Amino acid sequence: MSYITINKKIEAPKEQVFEIVADIRNFSKVIPEIKNVEFLSEQQYGVGTKYKETRDMNGREASTVLEVTELVENEHIRLISDAGGTVWDSIFKVEEKEGGTELSLVMEARPYKFLPKIIAPFMKGFMRNAIEKDMDATKRYCEAEV
């Protein structure tokens, strides 16, 4: 198992930050690398929402199916994806901090196939950079809206 933890201080109310990260319809407008979102479930928000996200990953398109497995309004959202022989388990949390919001993400990668088990340690830096870009874009958007 491999974990990535990232925290970002955002000068905006936690409700606003949560509204962005918890709703793919909003998040996809904020993150320039997200090129398309296709809903695979009837619902488009909350537990049970399932969608395919297509991103530009260094000039190549990559699609991932994600499912919302937990959501506590204005607190946290958990997304699970099973892609490329690895289960990706991500939890975004928002917490009021010093007049703003701390957005945190803990992502656990659980490879279950041989090749991903070998590659996982090398992917950690790449994933961390991609997540940092997403969180920086979220910060810029939320702070511009205040």
C-alpha atoms as a PDB file:
ATOM      1  CA  MET A   1       0.000   0.000   0.000  1.00  0.00           C
ATOM      2  CA  SER A   2       1.106   3.510  -0.761  1.00  0.00           C
ATOM      3  CA  TYR A   3      -0.332   6.766   0.579  1.00  0.00           C
ATOM      4  CA  ILE A   4      -0.203  10.317  -0.694  1.00  0.00           C
ATOM      5  CA  THR A   5      -1.328  13.089   1.660  1.00  0.00           C
ATOM      6  CA  ILE A   6      -1.610  16.702   0.556  1.00  0.00           C
ATOM      7  CA  ASN A   7      -2.961  19.700   2.475  1.00  0.00           C
ATOM      8  CA  LYS A   8      -3.806  23.076   0.976  1.00  0.00           C
ATOM      9  CA  LYS A   9      -4.885  26.251   2.821  1.00  0.00           C
ATOM     10  CA  ILE A  10      -7.603  28.087   0.874  1.00  0.00           C
ATOM     11  CA  GLU A  11      -8.878  31.554   1.758  1.00  0.00           C
ATOM     12  CA  ALA A  12     -12.545  30.704   1.165  1.00  0.00           C
ATOM     13  CA  PRO A  13     -15.441  29.232   3.182  1.00  0.00           C
ATOM     14  CA  LYS A  14     -15.365  25.455   3.567  1.00  0.00           C
ATOM     15  CA  GLU A  15     -18.849  25.162   2.017  1.00  0.00           C
ATOM     16  CA  GLN A  16     -17.553  26.768  -1.177  1.00  0.00           C
ATOM     17  CA  VAL A  17     -14.463  24.525  -1.314  1.00  0.00           C
ATOM     18  CA  PHE A  18     -16.572  21.428  -0.639  1.00  0.00           C
ATOM     19  CA  GLU A  19     -19.019  22.399  -3.386  1.00  0.00           C
ATOM     20  CA  ILE A  20     -16.125  22.265  -5.866  1.00  0.00           C
ATOM     21  CA  VAL A  21     -14.414  19.021  -4.804  1.00  0.00           C
ATOM     22  CA  ALA A  22     -17.582  17.051  -4.009  1.00  0.00           C
ATOM     23  CA  ASP A  23     -19.430  17.664  -7.266  1.00  0.00           C
ATOM     24  CA  ILE A  24     -17.692  16.506 -10.449  1.00  0.00           C
ATOM     25  CA  ARG A  25     -19.850  18.916 -12.455  1.00  0.00           C
ATOM     26  CA  ASN A  26     -18.096  21.774 -10.606  1.00  0.00           C
ATOM     27  CA  PHE A  27     -14.673  20.143 -10.253  1.00  0.00           C
ATOM     28  CA  SER A  28     -14.466  19.469 -13.991  1.00  0.00           C
ATOM     29  CA  LYS A  29     -14.958  23.197 -14.684  1.00  0.00           C
ATOM     30  CA  VAL A  30     -12.110  24.111 -12.326  1.00  0.00           C
ATOM     31  CA  ILE A  31      -9.520  21.516 -13.424  1.00  0.00           C
ATOM     32  CA  PRO A  32      -8.292  22.285 -16.958  1.00  0.00           C
ATOM     33  CA  GLU A  33      -6.914  18.752 -17.468  1.00  0.00           C
ATOM     34  CA  ILE A  34     -10.424  17.238 -17.167  1.00  0.00           C
ATOM     35  CA  LYS A  35     -11.671  17.091 -20.746  1.00  0.00           C
ATOM     36  CA  ASN A  36     -14.895  15.113 -20.330  1.00  0.00           C
ATOM     37  CA  VAL A  37     -17.173  13.599 -17.694  1.00  0.00           C
ATOM     38  CA  GLU A  38     -19.674  10.889 -18.572  1.00  0.00           C
ATOM     39  CA  PHE A  39     -22.127   9.822 -15.875  1.00  0.00           C
ATOM     40  CA  LEU A  40     -22.589   6.070 -15.567  1.00  0.00           C
ATOM     41  CA  SER A  41     -25.309   6.364 -12.918  1.00  0.00           C
ATOM     42  CA  GLU A  42     -28.625   8.220 -13.011  1.00  0.00           C
ATOM     43  CA  GLN A  43     -27.647  10.366 -10.063  1.00  0.00           C
ATOM     44  CA  GLN A  44     -24.986  12.992 -10.507  1.00  0.00           C
ATOM     45  CA  TYR A  45     -24.204  13.829  -6.874  1.00  0.00           C
ATOM     46  CA  GLY A  46     -23.752  11.900  -3.653  1.00  0.00           C
ATOM     47  CA  VAL A  47     -23.126   8.308  -2.639  1.00  0.00           C
ATOM     48  CA  GLY A  48     -23.591   5.933  -5.561  1.00  0.00           C
ATOM     49  CA  THR A  49     -22.664   8.490  -8.214  1.00  0.00           C
ATOM     50  CA  LYS A  50     -20.481   6.794 -10.799  1.00  0.00           C
ATOM     51  CA  TYR A  51     -18.773   8.530 -13.696  1.00  0.00           C
ATOM     52  CA  LYS A  52     -15.991   8.233 -16.237  1.00  0.00           C
ATOM     53  CA  GLU A  53     -13.516  11.102 -16.144  1.00  0.00           C
ATOM     54  CA  THR A  54     -11.260  11.747 -19.130  1.00  0.00           C
ATOM     55  CA  ARG A  55      -8.132  13.821 -18.531  1.00  0.00           C
ATOM     56  CA  ASP A  56      -5.220  15.120 -20.494  1.00  0.00           C
ATOM     57  CA  MET A  57      -2.206  13.417 -18.915  1.00  0.00           C
ATOM     58  CA  ASN A  58       0.926  14.949 -20.448  1.00  0.00           C
ATOM     59  CA  GLY A  59      -0.568  15.156 -23.924  1.00  0.00           C
ATOM     60  CA  ARG A  60      -2.431  11.835 -23.792  1.00  0.00           C
ATOM     61  CA  GLU A  61      -6.031  11.227 -22.865  1.00  0.00           C
ATOM     62  CA  ALA A  62      -6.668   8.829 -20.002  1.00  0.00           C
ATOM     63  CA  SER A  63     -10.057   7.777 -18.656  1.00  0.00           C
ATOM     64  CA  THR A  64     -10.888   6.525 -15.191  1.00  0.00           C
ATOM     65  CA  VAL A  65     -14.167   5.347 -13.691  1.00  0.00           C
ATOM     66  CA  LEU A  66     -14.796   6.757 -10.212  1.00  0.00           C
ATOM     67  CA  GLU A  67     -17.553   6.087  -7.700  1.00  0.00           C
ATOM     68  CA  VAL A  68     -18.601   8.185  -4.713  1.00  0.00           C
ATOM     69  CA  THR A  69     -18.721   5.773  -1.761  1.00  0.00           C
ATOM     70  CA  GLU A  70     -19.025   8.264   1.110  1.00  0.00           C
ATOM     71  CA  LEU A  71     -20.193  11.842   1.351  1.00  0.00           C
ATOM     72  CA  VAL A  72     -20.790  13.911   4.469  1.00  0.00           C
ATOM     73  CA  GLU A  73     -21.891  17.370   3.377  1.00  0.00           C
ATOM     74  CA  ASN A  74     -19.261  20.070   3.994  1.00  0.00           C
ATOM     75  CA  GLU A  75     -16.949  17.530   5.639  1.00  0.00           C
ATOM     76  CA  HIS A  76     -15.615  14.829   3.306  1.00  0.00           C
ATOM     77  CA  ILE A  77     -16.096  12.825   0.128  1.00  0.00           C
ATOM     78  CA  ARG A  78     -14.585   9.437  -0.690  1.00  0.00           C
ATOM     79  CA  LEU A  79     -13.975   8.280  -4.252  1.00  0.00           C
ATOM     80  CA  ILE A  80     -12.953   4.778  -5.310  1.00  0.00           C
ATOM     81  CA  SER A  81     -11.495   3.781  -8.663  1.00  0.00           C
ATOM     82  CA  ASP A  82     -10.262   0.393  -9.830  1.00  0.00           C
ATOM     83  CA  ALA A  83      -7.897   1.103 -12.701  1.00  0.00           C
ATOM     84  CA  GLY A  84      -4.840  -0.578 -14.151  1.00  0.00           C
ATOM     85  CA  GLY A  85      -4.633  -3.289 -11.517  1.00  0.00           C
ATOM     86  CA  THR A  86      -4.806  -0.842  -8.609  1.00  0.00           C
ATOM     87  CA  VAL A  87      -7.616   0.295  -6.334  1.00  0.00           C
ATOM     88  CA  TRP A  88      -7.350   4.054  -5.796  1.00  0.00           C
ATOM     89  CA  ASP A  89      -9.098   5.180  -2.602  1.00  0.00           C
ATOM     90  CA  SER A  90      -9.235   8.967  -2.200  1.00  0.00           C
ATOM     91  CA  ILE A  91     -10.729  11.068   0.581  1.00  0.00           C
ATOM     92  CA  PHE A  92     -11.078  14.841   0.251  1.00  0.00           C
ATOM     93  CA  LYS A  93     -11.736  16.638   3.553  1.00  0.00           C
ATOM     94  CA  VAL A  94     -12.533  20.269   4.281  1.00  0.00           C
ATOM     95  CA  GLU A  95     -12.013  21.874   7.665  1.00  0.00           C
ATOM     96  CA  GLU A  96     -12.304  25.480   8.836  1.00  0.00           C
ATOM     97  CA  LYS A  97      -8.848  26.818   9.703  1.00  0.00           C
ATOM     98  CA  GLU A  98      -7.790  30.366  10.633  1.00  0.00           C
ATOM     99  CA  GLY A  99     -10.517  32.169   8.725  1.00  0.00           C
ATOM    100  CA  GLY A 100     -10.261  29.916   5.705  1.00  0.00           C
ATOM    101  CA  THR A 101     -10.364  26.243   4.820  1.00  0.00           C
ATOM    102  CA  GLU A 102      -7.853  23.451   4.886  1.00  0.00           C
ATOM    103  CA  LEU A 103      -8.465  21.098   1.979  1.00  0.00           C
ATOM    104  CA  SER A 104      -6.780  17.755   2.451  1.00  0.00           C
ATOM    105  CA  LEU A 105      -6.566  14.696   0.291  1.00  0.00           C
ATOM    106  CA  VAL A 106      -5.426  11.268   1.377  1.00  0.00           C
ATOM    107  CA  MET A 107      -5.049   8.854  -1.528  1.00  0.00           C
ATOM    108  CA  GLU A 108      -4.280   5.201  -0.958  1.00  0.00           C
ATOM    109  CA  ALA A 109      -3.097   3.029  -3.834  1.00  0.00           C
ATOM    110  CA  ARG A 110      -3.634  -0.708  -3.390  1.00  0.00           C
ATOM    111  CA  PRO A 111      -2.086  -2.555  -6.354  1.00  0.00           C
ATOM    112  CA  TYR A 112      -3.328  -6.111  -6.769  1.00  0.00           C
ATOM    113  CA  LYS A 113      -1.622  -7.134 -10.009  1.00  0.00           C
ATOM    114  CA  PHE A 114       2.061  -7.893 -10.455  1.00  0.00           C
ATOM    115  CA  LEU A 115       3.135  -5.017 -12.725  1.00  0.00           C
ATOM    116  CA  PRO A 116       1.352  -2.274 -10.740  1.00  0.00           C
ATOM    117  CA  LYS A 117       2.983  -3.603  -7.570  1.00  0.00           C
ATOM    118  CA  ILE A 118       6.375  -3.070  -9.208  1.00  0.00           C
ATOM    119  CA  ILE A 119       5.542   0.326 -10.746  1.00  0.00           C
ATOM    120  CA  ALA A 120       3.606   1.845  -7.806  1.00  0.00           C
ATOM    121  CA  PRO A 121       6.617   3.346  -5.990  1.00  0.00           C
ATOM    122  CA  PHE A 122       7.712   5.109  -9.187  1.00  0.00           C
ATOM    123  CA  MET A 123       4.206   6.492  -9.862  1.00  0.00           C
ATOM    124  CA  LYS A 124       3.947   8.203  -6.483  1.00  0.00           C
ATOM    125  CA  GLY A 125       5.794  11.371  -7.542  1.00  0.00           C
ATOM    126  CA  PHE A 126       3.794  11.661 -10.762  1.00  0.00           C
ATOM    127  CA  MET A 127       0.505  11.250  -8.871  1.00  0.00           C
ATOM    128  CA  ARG A 128       1.567  13.744  -6.183  1.00  0.00           C
ATOM    129  CA  ASN A 129       2.332  16.368  -8.862  1.00  0.00           C
ATOM    130  CA  ALA A 130      -1.013  15.804 -10.609  1.00  0.00           C
ATOM    131  CA  ILE A 131      -2.924  16.100  -7.335  1.00  0.00           C
ATOM    132  CA  GLU A 132      -0.993  19.249  -6.369  1.00  0.00           C
ATOM    133  CA  LYS A 133      -2.014  20.814  -9.710  1.00  0.00           C
ATOM    134  CA  ASP A 134      -5.684  19.946  -9.026  1.00  0.00           C
ATOM    135  CA  MET A 135      -5.529  21.431  -5.535  1.00  0.00           C
ATOM    136  CA  ASP A 136      -3.733  24.566  -6.764  1.00  0.00           C
ATOM    137  CA  ALA A 137      -6.430  25.060  -9.425  1.00  0.00           C
ATOM    138  CA  THR A 138      -9.128  24.600  -6.768  1.00  0.00           C
ATOM    139  CA  LYS A 139      -7.408  27.153  -4.532  1.00  0.00           C
ATOM    140  CA  ARG A 140      -7.113  29.710  -7.346  1.00  0.00           C
ATOM    141  CA  TYR A 141     -10.757  29.275  -8.332  1.00  0.00           C
ATOM    142  CA  CYS A 142     -12.164  29.445  -4.799  1.00  0.00           C
ATOM    143  CA  GLU A 143     -10.063  32.442  -3.797  1.00  0.00           C
ATOM    144  CA  ALA A 144     -11.033  34.313  -6.965  1.00  0.00           C
ATOM    145  CA  GLU A 145     -14.722  33.738  -6.134  1.00  0.00           C
ATOM    146  CA  VAL A 146     -14.525  35.217  -2.609  1.00  0.00           C
END
